[in-house]
């Protein structure tokens, strides 16, 4: 059979007789033939995949971003590729270049990052390199880039969410609130701390710097920071943990010290990961729309040519979810 007939049969975009189609498909099955996707990509006849690049695929919050990316990509007939950097900038560089070579329609980078010039330089290089290959850089929960760079930004309201959480504790009569934030240079940590401080100013309550304990967003870090504060005799009636995983560690340290939650100490988290509602007591926390972040990243990247200029930066809202881990002060 002619190459043209076989090509038309496989593409399904041109009338072919039933007899010819049957012969071609029989040969495809017997030879286990698959289409050369790279060749189709070069010809512009295949939809490129959506690449998701994250620090760690095991984190509960990032897993929900990945779910949102996959759902939206699948709904649009796109394949999703998930890659982990394990916090290595060199690996991130390699993965972005690999996805560029794979003709990814979009490369979605997720998670907080350090606020410095090196970060902005790297992201600017990513954005221009991907744009030159017909792809799109999407930053989710990362510091935005200067206007004019070919990138899509999807953020969520860290500052507003932290303001809600701290205001809830202050309205309940708490004044000595242990704040377990992130390292100061991480953008999400900076934004959450700013919202925390905003709440104290709004309520006219003096801020005690000795209650501000930065650290990693991990369960073990939350445990150690809370345990050390208790051992040092630091007085506090509430804990605002920068993430629900940090809150989990804080709860363990409080119980180990014989303290009741919320009877002795109230606790608030941030993220609203699935286990937050199943803790004892159920954790009051700030809900981040992680799946919506993933879906928005794909939608905005693929629909960018249909939108007016300036619509490539969105901020999704966060919401305080009140459960049983906060009790008003007498």
C-alpha atoms as a PDB file:
ATOM      1  CA  UNK A   1       0.000   0.000   0.000  1.00  0.00           C
ATOM      2  CA  UNK A   2       1.122   3.568  -0.541  1.00  0.00           C
ATOM      3  CA  UNK A   3       2.639   5.644   2.242  1.00  0.00           C
ATOM      4  CA  UNK A   4      -0.141   8.217   1.754  1.00  0.00           C
ATOM      5  CA  UNK A   5      -2.885   5.619   2.306  1.00  0.00           C
ATOM      6  CA  UNK A   6      -1.256   4.320   5.475  1.00  0.00           C
ATOM      7  CA  UNK A   7      -0.710   7.854   6.770  1.00  0.00           C
ATOM      8  CA  UNK A   8      -4.316   8.863   6.088  1.00  0.00           C
ATOM      9  CA  UNK A   9      -5.610   5.739   7.808  1.00  0.00           C
ATOM     10  CA  UNK A  10      -3.555   6.325  10.953  1.00  0.00           C
ATOM     11  CA  UNK A  11      -4.359  10.035  11.082  1.00  0.00           C
ATOM     12  CA  UNK A  12      -8.070   9.465  10.494  1.00  0.00           C
ATOM     13  CA  UNK A  13      -8.366  12.801   8.729  1.00  0.00           C
ATOM     14  CA  UNK A  14      -9.082  11.627   5.149  1.00  0.00           C
ATOM     15  CA  UNK A  15     -11.556   9.135   3.648  1.00  0.00           C
ATOM     16  CA  UNK A  16     -10.107   5.634   3.183  1.00  0.00           C
ATOM     17  CA  UNK A  17     -11.956   2.530   2.003  1.00  0.00           C
ATOM     18  CA  UNK A  18     -12.954  -0.013   4.627  1.00  0.00           C
ATOM     19  CA  UNK A  19     -10.843  -2.683   2.933  1.00  0.00           C
ATOM     20  CA  UNK A  20      -7.721  -0.510   2.981  1.00  0.00           C
ATOM     21  CA  UNK A  21      -8.367   0.519   6.607  1.00  0.00           C
ATOM     22  CA  UNK A  22      -8.739  -3.107   7.685  1.00  0.00           C
ATOM     23  CA  UNK A  23      -5.434  -4.100   5.993  1.00  0.00           C
ATOM     24  CA  UNK A  24      -3.553  -1.175   7.566  1.00  0.00           C
ATOM     25  CA  UNK A  25      -4.898  -1.826  11.068  1.00  0.00           C
ATOM     26  CA  UNK A  26      -4.113  -5.550  10.765  1.00  0.00           C
ATOM     27  CA  UNK A  27      -0.511  -4.635   9.953  1.00  0.00           C
ATOM     28  CA  UNK A  28      -0.402  -2.168  12.857  1.00  0.00           C
ATOM     29  CA  UNK A  29      -1.555  -4.876  15.253  1.00  0.00           C
ATOM     30  CA  UNK A  30       0.771  -7.585  13.988  1.00  0.00           C
ATOM     31  CA  UNK A  31       3.813  -5.264  13.989  1.00  0.00           C
ATOM     32  CA  UNK A  32       2.927  -3.573  17.315  1.00  0.00           C
ATOM     33  CA  UNK A  33       3.413  -0.259  15.559  1.00  0.00           C
ATOM     34  CA  UNK A  34       3.219   3.024  17.507  1.00  0.00           C
ATOM     35  CA  UNK A  35       3.232   6.552  16.154  1.00  0.00           C
ATOM     36  CA  UNK A  36       6.486   8.528  16.453  1.00  0.00           C
ATOM     37  CA  UNK A  37       5.237  11.284  18.751  1.00  0.00           C
ATOM     38  CA  UNK A  38       8.431  13.331  18.429  1.00  0.00           C
ATOM     39  CA  UNK A  39       8.100  13.428  14.646  1.00  0.00           C
ATOM     40  CA  UNK A  40       4.469  14.517  14.961  1.00  0.00           C
ATOM     41  CA  UNK A  41       5.455  17.184  17.483  1.00  0.00           C
ATOM     42  CA  UNK A  42       8.034  18.602  15.088  1.00  0.00           C
ATOM     43  CA  UNK A  43       5.376  18.816  12.397  1.00  0.00           C
ATOM     44  CA  UNK A  44       2.987  20.536  14.799  1.00  0.00           C
ATOM     45  CA  UNK A  45       0.405  17.750  14.544  1.00  0.00           C
ATOM     46  CA  UNK A  46       0.362  16.590  18.171  1.00  0.00           C
ATOM     47  CA  UNK A  47      -0.699  18.300  21.397  1.00  0.00           C
ATOM     48  CA  UNK A  48       2.311  18.605  23.700  1.00  0.00           C
ATOM     49  CA  UNK A  49       2.174  17.278  27.259  1.00  0.00           C
ATOM     50  CA  UNK A  50       1.835  19.313  30.456  1.00  0.00           C
ATOM     51  CA  UNK A  51       4.966  18.983  32.612  1.00  0.00           C
ATOM     52  CA  UNK A  52       4.676  19.424  36.378  1.00  0.00           C
ATOM     53  CA  UNK A  53       7.956  20.065  38.197  1.00  0.00           C
ATOM     54  CA  UNK A  54       7.749  19.920  42.004  1.00  0.00           C
ATOM     55  CA  UNK A  55      10.167  19.551  44.890  1.00  0.00           C
ATOM     56  CA  UNK A  56       8.667  16.384  46.370  1.00  0.00           C
ATOM     57  CA  UNK A  57       5.881  14.146  45.087  1.00  0.00           C
ATOM     58  CA  UNK A  58       5.058  12.794  48.580  1.00  0.00           C
ATOM     59  CA  UNK A  59       3.828  16.037  50.174  1.00  0.00           C
ATOM     60  CA  UNK A  60       0.032  16.081  50.646  1.00  0.00           C
ATOM     61  CA  UNK A  61      -0.463  19.638  49.406  1.00  0.00           C
ATOM     62  CA  UNK A  62       1.692  19.214  46.297  1.00  0.00           C
ATOM     63  CA  UNK A  63      -0.055  15.939  45.519  1.00  0.00           C
ATOM     64  CA  UNK A  64      -3.337  17.847  45.284  1.00  0.00           C
ATOM     65  CA  UNK A  65      -1.790  20.392  42.903  1.00  0.00           C
ATOM     66  CA  UNK A  66      -0.637  17.448  40.771  1.00  0.00           C
ATOM     67  CA  UNK A  67      -4.169  16.014  40.823  1.00  0.00           C
ATOM     68  CA  UNK A  68      -5.565  19.316  39.571  1.00  0.00           C
ATOM     69  CA  UNK A  69      -2.984  19.501  36.772  1.00  0.00           C
ATOM     70  CA  UNK A  70      -3.701  15.915  35.698  1.00  0.00           C
ATOM     71  CA  UNK A  71      -7.480  16.366  35.743  1.00  0.00           C
ATOM     72  CA  UNK A  72      -7.431  19.542  33.662  1.00  0.00           C
ATOM     73  CA  UNK A  73      -4.821  18.170  31.249  1.00  0.00           C
ATOM     74  CA  UNK A  74      -6.795  14.938  30.762  1.00  0.00           C
ATOM     75  CA  UNK A  75      -9.992  16.899  30.144  1.00  0.00           C
ATOM     76  CA  UNK A  76      -8.163  18.703  27.347  1.00  0.00           C
ATOM     77  CA  UNK A  77      -6.672  15.543  25.854  1.00  0.00           C
ATOM     78  CA  UNK A  78      -3.170  16.187  27.162  1.00  0.00           C
ATOM     79  CA  UNK A  79      -0.700  13.857  28.797  1.00  0.00           C
ATOM     80  CA  UNK A  80       0.757  14.894  32.178  1.00  0.00           C
ATOM     81  CA  UNK A  81       4.388  14.384  33.156  1.00  0.00           C
ATOM     82  CA  UNK A  82       5.406  14.702  36.831  1.00  0.00           C
ATOM     83  CA  UNK A  83       9.034  15.345  37.807  1.00  0.00           C
ATOM     84  CA  UNK A  84      10.620  15.884  41.243  1.00  0.00           C
ATOM     85  CA  UNK A  85      13.634  18.137  41.877  1.00  0.00           C
ATOM     86  CA  UNK A  86      14.271  17.098  45.527  1.00  0.00           C
ATOM     87  CA  UNK A  87      15.251  20.710  46.138  1.00  0.00           C
ATOM     88  CA  UNK A  88      18.183  20.632  43.686  1.00  0.00           C
ATOM     89  CA  UNK A  89      18.311  23.741  41.430  1.00  0.00           C
ATOM     90  CA  UNK A  90      20.617  21.969  38.944  1.00  0.00           C
ATOM     91  CA  UNK A  91      18.070  19.172  38.557  1.00  0.00           C
ATOM     92  CA  UNK A  92      15.340  21.742  38.024  1.00  0.00           C
ATOM     93  CA  UNK A  93      17.457  23.307  35.253  1.00  0.00           C
ATOM     94  CA  UNK A  94      17.888  19.899  33.595  1.00  0.00           C
ATOM     95  CA  UNK A  95      14.190  19.047  33.853  1.00  0.00           C
ATOM     96  CA  UNK A  96      13.063  22.340  32.317  1.00  0.00           C
ATOM     97  CA  UNK A  97      15.475  21.830  29.429  1.00  0.00           C
ATOM     98  CA  UNK A  98      14.303  18.236  28.985  1.00  0.00           C
ATOM     99  CA  UNK A  99      10.653  19.331  28.893  1.00  0.00           C
ATOM    100  CA  UNK A 100      11.572  21.972  26.320  1.00  0.00           C
ATOM    101  CA  UNK A 101      13.137  19.263  24.170  1.00  0.00           C
ATOM    102  CA  UNK A 102      10.017  17.115  24.672  1.00  0.00           C
ATOM    103  CA  UNK A 103       7.886  19.953  23.241  1.00  0.00           C
ATOM    104  CA  UNK A 104       5.827  20.310  26.417  1.00  0.00           C
ATOM    105  CA  UNK A 105       2.928  22.713  25.944  1.00  0.00           C
ATOM    106  CA  UNK A 106       3.547  24.103  29.431  1.00  0.00           C
ATOM    107  CA  UNK A 107       6.028  23.595  32.264  1.00  0.00           C
ATOM    108  CA  UNK A 108       4.426  24.138  35.669  1.00  0.00           C
ATOM    109  CA  UNK A 109       6.799  24.872  38.575  1.00  0.00           C
ATOM    110  CA  UNK A 110       5.156  24.513  41.996  1.00  0.00           C
ATOM    111  CA  UNK A 111       6.164  25.483  45.532  1.00  0.00           C
ATOM    112  CA  UNK A 112       7.760  28.300  47.496  1.00  0.00           C
ATOM    113  CA  UNK A 113      11.140  29.721  46.520  1.00  0.00           C
ATOM    114  CA  UNK A 114      13.782  32.028  47.947  1.00  0.00           C
ATOM    115  CA  UNK A 115      13.299  35.706  47.253  1.00  0.00           C
ATOM    116  CA  UNK A 116      16.576  36.770  45.643  1.00  0.00           C
ATOM    117  CA  UNK A 117      18.083  37.977  42.356  1.00  0.00           C
ATOM    118  CA  UNK A 118      19.353  34.506  41.437  1.00  0.00           C
ATOM    119  CA  UNK A 119      15.785  33.170  41.482  1.00  0.00           C
ATOM    120  CA  UNK A 120      14.495  35.927  39.192  1.00  0.00           C
ATOM    121  CA  UNK A 121      17.403  35.393  36.778  1.00  0.00           C
ATOM    122  CA  UNK A 122      16.764  31.658  36.544  1.00  0.00           C
ATOM    123  CA  UNK A 123      13.021  32.072  36.059  1.00  0.00           C
ATOM    124  CA  UNK A 124      13.561  34.735  33.372  1.00  0.00           C
ATOM    125  CA  UNK A 125      15.858  32.322  31.522  1.00  0.00           C
ATOM    126  CA  UNK A 126      13.285  29.530  31.811  1.00  0.00           C
ATOM    127  CA  UNK A 127      10.504  31.784  30.545  1.00  0.00           C
ATOM    128  CA  UNK A 128      12.350  33.025  27.459  1.00  0.00           C
ATOM    129  CA  UNK A 129      13.783  29.595  26.576  1.00  0.00           C
ATOM    130  CA  UNK A 130      10.391  27.880  26.809  1.00  0.00           C
ATOM    131  CA  UNK A 131       8.669  30.687  24.910  1.00  0.00           C
ATOM    132  CA  UNK A 132      11.164  30.346  22.056  1.00  0.00           C
ATOM    133  CA  UNK A 133      10.185  26.657  21.784  1.00  0.00           C
ATOM    134  CA  UNK A 134       6.457  27.426  21.770  1.00  0.00           C
ATOM    135  CA  UNK A 135       5.992  26.354  25.384  1.00  0.00           C
ATOM    136  CA  UNK A 136       4.893  28.291  28.462  1.00  0.00           C
ATOM    137  CA  UNK A 137       6.342  28.703  31.946  1.00  0.00           C
ATOM    138  CA  UNK A 138       3.736  28.625  34.726  1.00  0.00           C
ATOM    139  CA  UNK A 139       4.713  29.502  38.312  1.00  0.00           C
ATOM    140  CA  UNK A 140       2.353  28.204  41.012  1.00  0.00           C
ATOM    141  CA  UNK A 141       2.824  29.564  44.527  1.00  0.00           C
ATOM    142  CA  UNK A 142       6.172  31.047  43.539  1.00  0.00           C
ATOM    143  CA  UNK A 143       7.297  34.679  43.544  1.00  0.00           C
ATOM    144  CA  UNK A 144       5.955  36.469  40.448  1.00  0.00           C
ATOM    145  CA  UNK A 145       8.242  37.776  37.709  1.00  0.00           C
ATOM    146  CA  UNK A 146       8.542  41.319  36.369  1.00  0.00           C
ATOM    147  CA  UNK A 147       5.980  42.375  33.772  1.00  0.00           C
ATOM    148  CA  UNK A 148       6.906  41.654  30.181  1.00  0.00           C
ATOM    149  CA  UNK A 149       8.310  38.161  30.648  1.00  0.00           C
ATOM    150  CA  UNK A 150       6.413  35.331  28.911  1.00  0.00           C
ATOM    151  CA  UNK A 151       5.172  33.537  32.023  1.00  0.00           C
ATOM    152  CA  UNK A 152       1.873  32.730  33.725  1.00  0.00           C
ATOM    153  CA  UNK A 153       1.584  33.271  37.492  1.00  0.00           C
ATOM    154  CA  UNK A 154      -0.924  31.428  39.698  1.00  0.00           C
ATOM    155  CA  UNK A 155      -0.792  32.452  43.364  1.00  0.00           C
ATOM    156  CA  UNK A 156      -2.976  32.023  46.428  1.00  0.00           C
ATOM    157  CA  UNK A 157      -3.628  34.505  49.218  1.00  0.00           C
ATOM    158  CA  UNK A 158      -1.057  33.524  51.855  1.00  0.00           C
ATOM    159  CA  UNK A 159      -1.160  36.907  53.557  1.00  0.00           C
ATOM    160  CA  UNK A 160      -4.950  37.054  53.770  1.00  0.00           C
ATOM    161  CA  UNK A 161      -5.167  33.477  55.009  1.00  0.00           C
ATOM    162  CA  UNK A 162      -2.647  34.110  57.784  1.00  0.00           C
ATOM    163  CA  UNK A 163      -4.496  37.293  58.745  1.00  0.00           C
ATOM    164  CA  UNK A 164      -7.728  35.277  59.129  1.00  0.00           C
ATOM    165  CA  UNK A 165      -6.018  32.609  61.249  1.00  0.00           C
ATOM    166  CA  UNK A 166      -4.299  35.040  63.604  1.00  0.00           C
ATOM    167  CA  UNK A 167      -7.373  37.258  63.855  1.00  0.00           C
ATOM    168  CA  UNK A 168      -9.401  34.211  64.885  1.00  0.00           C
ATOM    169  CA  UNK A 169      -6.978  33.511  67.747  1.00  0.00           C
ATOM    170  CA  UNK A 170      -6.814  37.151  68.810  1.00  0.00           C
ATOM    171  CA  UNK A 171     -10.608  37.454  68.759  1.00  0.00           C
ATOM    172  CA  UNK A 172     -10.717  34.405  71.046  1.00  0.00           C
ATOM    173  CA  UNK A 173      -8.668  36.314  73.604  1.00  0.00           C
ATOM    174  CA  UNK A 174      -5.222  34.870  72.870  1.00  0.00           C
ATOM    175  CA  UNK A 175      -2.343  37.342  73.099  1.00  0.00           C
ATOM    176  CA  UNK A 176       0.704  35.066  73.463  1.00  0.00           C
ATOM    177  CA  UNK A 177       0.667  33.176  70.142  1.00  0.00           C
ATOM    178  CA  UNK A 178       3.644  30.972  69.244  1.00  0.00           C
ATOM    179  CA  UNK A 179       4.227  31.490  65.512  1.00  0.00           C
ATOM    180  CA  UNK A 180       5.915  28.534  63.762  1.00  0.00           C
ATOM    181  CA  UNK A 181       6.653  30.108  60.386  1.00  0.00           C
ATOM    182  CA  UNK A 182       9.064  29.217  57.599  1.00  0.00           C
ATOM    183  CA  UNK A 183      12.608  30.344  57.014  1.00  0.00           C
ATOM    184  CA  UNK A 184      12.438  34.089  56.399  1.00  0.00           C
ATOM    185  CA  UNK A 185      13.667  34.001  52.774  1.00  0.00           C
ATOM    186  CA  UNK A 186      10.897  31.679  51.470  1.00  0.00           C
ATOM    187  CA  UNK A 187       8.134  33.659  49.751  1.00  0.00           C
ATOM    188  CA  UNK A 188       5.230  31.723  51.309  1.00  0.00           C
ATOM    189  CA  UNK A 189       6.799  32.138  54.751  1.00  0.00           C
ATOM    190  CA  UNK A 190       7.283  35.872  54.236  1.00  0.00           C
ATOM    191  CA  UNK A 191       3.667  36.325  53.135  1.00  0.00           C
ATOM    192  CA  UNK A 192       2.211  34.295  56.018  1.00  0.00           C
ATOM    193  CA  UNK A 193       4.310  36.129  58.588  1.00  0.00           C
ATOM    194  CA  UNK A 194       3.209  39.463  57.103  1.00  0.00           C
ATOM    195  CA  UNK A 195      -0.442  38.444  57.447  1.00  0.00           C
ATOM    196  CA  UNK A 196       0.214  37.330  61.032  1.00  0.00           C
ATOM    197  CA  UNK A 197       1.738  40.720  61.885  1.00  0.00           C
ATOM    198  CA  UNK A 198      -1.120  42.525  60.094  1.00  0.00           C
ATOM    199  CA  UNK A 199      -3.592  40.844  62.460  1.00  0.00           C
ATOM    200  CA  UNK A 200      -1.725  42.017  65.563  1.00  0.00           C
ATOM    201  CA  UNK A 201      -1.667  45.582  64.241  1.00  0.00           C
ATOM    202  CA  UNK A 202      -5.361  45.438  63.326  1.00  0.00           C
ATOM    203  CA  UNK A 203      -6.249  44.272  66.847  1.00  0.00           C
ATOM    204  CA  UNK A 204      -3.906  46.754  68.528  1.00  0.00           C
ATOM    205  CA  UNK A 205      -1.964  43.987  70.282  1.00  0.00           C
ATOM    206  CA  UNK A 206       1.827  44.332  70.852  1.00  0.00           C
ATOM    207  CA  UNK A 207       3.877  41.647  69.071  1.00  0.00           C
ATOM    208  CA  UNK A 208       6.308  39.519  71.106  1.00  0.00           C
ATOM    209  CA  UNK A 209       9.321  38.681  68.921  1.00  0.00           C
ATOM    210  CA  UNK A 210      10.369  35.831  71.229  1.00  0.00           C
ATOM    211  CA  UNK A 211       7.272  33.938  70.091  1.00  0.00           C
ATOM    212  CA  UNK A 212       8.355  34.094  66.438  1.00  0.00           C
ATOM    213  CA  UNK A 213      10.236  30.840  65.696  1.00  0.00           C
ATOM    214  CA  UNK A 214      11.103  30.263  62.005  1.00  0.00           C
ATOM    215  CA  UNK A 215      11.996  26.823  60.715  1.00  0.00           C
ATOM    216  CA  UNK A 216      11.287  24.134  58.143  1.00  0.00           C
ATOM    217  CA  UNK A 217       7.752  23.256  57.066  1.00  0.00           C
ATOM    218  CA  UNK A 218       7.972  19.701  58.450  1.00  0.00           C
ATOM    219  CA  UNK A 219       6.350  17.721  61.242  1.00  0.00           C
ATOM    220  CA  UNK A 220       9.673  17.155  62.995  1.00  0.00           C
ATOM    221  CA  UNK A 221      10.483  20.872  62.916  1.00  0.00           C
ATOM    222  CA  UNK A 222       7.084  21.731  64.404  1.00  0.00           C
ATOM    223  CA  UNK A 223       7.658  19.208  67.167  1.00  0.00           C
ATOM    224  CA  UNK A 224      11.186  20.419  68.005  1.00  0.00           C
ATOM    225  CA  UNK A 225      10.316  24.118  67.992  1.00  0.00           C
ATOM    226  CA  UNK A 226       7.302  23.617  70.241  1.00  0.00           C
ATOM    227  CA  UNK A 227       9.159  21.260  72.595  1.00  0.00           C
ATOM    228  CA  UNK A 228      12.105  23.643  72.912  1.00  0.00           C
ATOM    229  CA  UNK A 229       9.804  26.604  73.600  1.00  0.00           C
ATOM    230  CA  UNK A 230       8.092  24.653  76.383  1.00  0.00           C
ATOM    231  CA  UNK A 231      11.411  23.550  77.876  1.00  0.00           C
ATOM    232  CA  UNK A 232      12.679  27.140  77.798  1.00  0.00           C
ATOM    233  CA  UNK A 233       9.649  28.277  79.786  1.00  0.00           C
ATOM    234  CA  UNK A 234       8.219  30.415  76.977  1.00  0.00           C
ATOM    235  CA  UNK A 235       4.638  31.329  77.863  1.00  0.00           C
ATOM    236  CA  UNK A 236       1.980  31.008  75.180  1.00  0.00           C
ATOM    237  CA  UNK A 237      -1.703  30.087  75.012  1.00  0.00           C
ATOM    238  CA  UNK A 238      -1.947  29.375  71.285  1.00  0.00           C
ATOM    239  CA  UNK A 239       0.124  28.107  68.363  1.00  0.00           C
ATOM    240  CA  UNK A 240      -0.164  29.282  64.763  1.00  0.00           C
ATOM    241  CA  UNK A 241       1.649  26.665  62.658  1.00  0.00           C
ATOM    242  CA  UNK A 242       2.813  27.638  59.171  1.00  0.00           C
ATOM    243  CA  UNK A 243       1.473  24.370  57.722  1.00  0.00           C
ATOM    244  CA  UNK A 244      -0.708  21.509  58.891  1.00  0.00           C
ATOM    245  CA  UNK A 245       2.357  19.247  58.980  1.00  0.00           C
ATOM    246  CA  UNK A 246       4.028  21.709  61.369  1.00  0.00           C
ATOM    247  CA  UNK A 247       0.816  21.738  63.423  1.00  0.00           C
ATOM    248  CA  UNK A 248       0.959  17.945  63.634  1.00  0.00           C
ATOM    249  CA  UNK A 249       4.411  18.170  65.222  1.00  0.00           C
ATOM    250  CA  UNK A 250       3.291  20.925  67.585  1.00  0.00           C
ATOM    251  CA  UNK A 251       0.320  18.816  68.731  1.00  0.00           C
ATOM    252  CA  UNK A 252       2.660  15.921  69.508  1.00  0.00           C
ATOM    253  CA  UNK A 253       4.962  18.136  71.606  1.00  0.00           C
ATOM    254  CA  UNK A 254       2.036  19.669  73.518  1.00  0.00           C
ATOM    255  CA  UNK A 255       0.573  16.264  74.359  1.00  0.00           C
ATOM    256  CA  UNK A 256       3.986  14.961  75.377  1.00  0.00           C
ATOM    257  CA  UNK A 257       4.172  17.859  77.841  1.00  0.00           C
ATOM    258  CA  UNK A 258       0.796  16.916  79.292  1.00  0.00           C
ATOM    259  CA  UNK A 259      -1.051  19.880  77.791  1.00  0.00           C
ATOM    260  CA  UNK A 260      -4.586  19.603  76.465  1.00  0.00           C
ATOM    261  CA  UNK A 261      -5.624  20.994  73.077  1.00  0.00           C
ATOM    262  CA  UNK A 262      -7.644  23.180  73.087  1.00  0.00           C
ATOM    263  CA  UNK A 263      -8.129  23.241  76.879  1.00  0.00           C
ATOM    264  CA  UNK A 264      -4.633  24.502  77.682  1.00  0.00           C
ATOM    265  CA  UNK A 265      -3.318  25.595  74.277  1.00  0.00           C
ATOM    266  CA  UNK A 266      -5.202  26.355  71.049  1.00  0.00           C
ATOM    267  CA  UNK A 267      -3.688  25.386  67.676  1.00  0.00           C
ATOM    268  CA  UNK A 268      -4.285  26.651  64.127  1.00  0.00           C
ATOM    269  CA  UNK A 269      -2.677  25.279  60.958  1.00  0.00           C
ATOM    270  CA  UNK A 270      -2.444  26.254  57.298  1.00  0.00           C
ATOM    271  CA  UNK A 271      -3.259  24.182  54.154  1.00  0.00           C
ATOM    272  CA  UNK A 272      -6.262  22.043  55.182  1.00  0.00           C
ATOM    273  CA  UNK A 273      -4.710  18.783  54.028  1.00  0.00           C
ATOM    274  CA  UNK A 274      -7.034  15.731  54.223  1.00  0.00           C
ATOM    275  CA  UNK A 275      -5.920  14.532  57.677  1.00  0.00           C
ATOM    276  CA  UNK A 276      -6.647  17.918  59.323  1.00  0.00           C
ATOM    277  CA  UNK A 277     -10.334  17.107  59.795  1.00  0.00           C
ATOM    278  CA  UNK A 278      -9.543  13.654  61.229  1.00  0.00           C
ATOM    279  CA  UNK A 279      -7.207  14.785  64.015  1.00  0.00           C
ATOM    280  CA  UNK A 280      -8.314  14.831  67.664  1.00  0.00           C
ATOM    281  CA  UNK A 281      -9.335  17.551  68.044  1.00  0.00           C
ATOM    282  CA  UNK A 282     -10.151  18.378  64.418  1.00  0.00           C
ATOM    283  CA  UNK A 283      -7.729  21.103  63.316  1.00  0.00           C
ATOM    284  CA  UNK A 284      -8.812  24.667  62.659  1.00  0.00           C
ATOM    285  CA  UNK A 285      -6.800  25.680  59.606  1.00  0.00           C
ATOM    286  CA  UNK A 286      -6.625  27.800  56.460  1.00  0.00           C
ATOM    287  CA  UNK A 287      -7.848  26.038  53.332  1.00  0.00           C
ATOM    288  CA  UNK A 288      -5.697  26.458  50.233  1.00  0.00           C
ATOM    289  CA  UNK A 289      -7.438  25.480  46.939  1.00  0.00           C
ATOM    290  CA  UNK A 290      -4.576  23.253  45.776  1.00  0.00           C
ATOM    291  CA  UNK A 291      -6.476  21.345  43.090  1.00  0.00           C
ATOM    292  CA  UNK A 292      -7.841  24.609  41.704  1.00  0.00           C
ATOM    293  CA  UNK A 293      -4.275  25.919  41.536  1.00  0.00           C
ATOM    294  CA  UNK A 294      -3.315  22.972  39.331  1.00  0.00           C
ATOM    295  CA  UNK A 295      -6.379  23.281  37.124  1.00  0.00           C
ATOM    296  CA  UNK A 296      -5.911  27.042  36.754  1.00  0.00           C
ATOM    297  CA  UNK A 297      -2.260  26.582  35.788  1.00  0.00           C
ATOM    298  CA  UNK A 298      -3.176  24.303  32.873  1.00  0.00           C
ATOM    299  CA  UNK A 299      -6.193  26.329  31.783  1.00  0.00           C
ATOM    300  CA  UNK A 300      -4.359  29.663  31.756  1.00  0.00           C
ATOM    301  CA  UNK A 301      -1.339  28.224  29.937  1.00  0.00           C
ATOM    302  CA  UNK A 302      -3.390  26.604  27.171  1.00  0.00           C
ATOM    303  CA  UNK A 303      -5.866  29.459  26.736  1.00  0.00           C
ATOM    304  CA  UNK A 304      -3.361  32.309  26.824  1.00  0.00           C
ATOM    305  CA  UNK A 305      -3.824  33.219  23.156  1.00  0.00           C
ATOM    306  CA  UNK A 306      -7.551  33.709  23.736  1.00  0.00           C
ATOM    307  CA  UNK A 307      -7.174  36.181  26.608  1.00  0.00           C
ATOM    308  CA  UNK A 308      -6.402  39.873  26.698  1.00  0.00           C
ATOM    309  CA  UNK A 309      -2.957  41.001  27.831  1.00  0.00           C
ATOM    310  CA  UNK A 310      -2.505  41.220  31.582  1.00  0.00           C
ATOM    311  CA  UNK A 311      -4.640  38.177  32.439  1.00  0.00           C
ATOM    312  CA  UNK A 312      -1.630  35.932  33.091  1.00  0.00           C
ATOM    313  CA  UNK A 313      -1.450  36.602  36.829  1.00  0.00           C
ATOM    314  CA  UNK A 314      -4.217  35.328  39.117  1.00  0.00           C
ATOM    315  CA  UNK A 315      -4.505  35.059  42.899  1.00  0.00           C
ATOM    316  CA  UNK A 316      -6.899  32.461  44.331  1.00  0.00           C
ATOM    317  CA  UNK A 317      -8.539  33.061  47.691  1.00  0.00           C
ATOM    318  CA  UNK A 318      -7.921  31.141  50.923  1.00  0.00           C
ATOM    319  CA  UNK A 319     -10.497  30.364  53.608  1.00  0.00           C
ATOM    320  CA  UNK A 320     -10.376  29.845  57.370  1.00  0.00           C
ATOM    321  CA  UNK A 321     -11.978  26.514  58.324  1.00  0.00           C
ATOM    322  CA  UNK A 322     -13.054  26.576  61.975  1.00  0.00           C
ATOM    323  CA  UNK A 323     -13.068  23.209  63.739  1.00  0.00           C
ATOM    324  CA  UNK A 324     -12.343  22.155  67.339  1.00  0.00           C
ATOM    325  CA  UNK A 325      -8.696  23.070  68.056  1.00  0.00           C
ATOM    326  CA  UNK A 326      -9.325  26.640  69.280  1.00  0.00           C
ATOM    327  CA  UNK A 327     -10.982  27.607  72.536  1.00  0.00           C
ATOM    328  CA  UNK A 328     -11.615  31.179  73.779  1.00  0.00           C
ATOM    329  CA  UNK A 329      -9.562  32.387  76.714  1.00  0.00           C
ATOM    330  CA  UNK A 330     -11.467  32.876  79.977  1.00  0.00           C
END
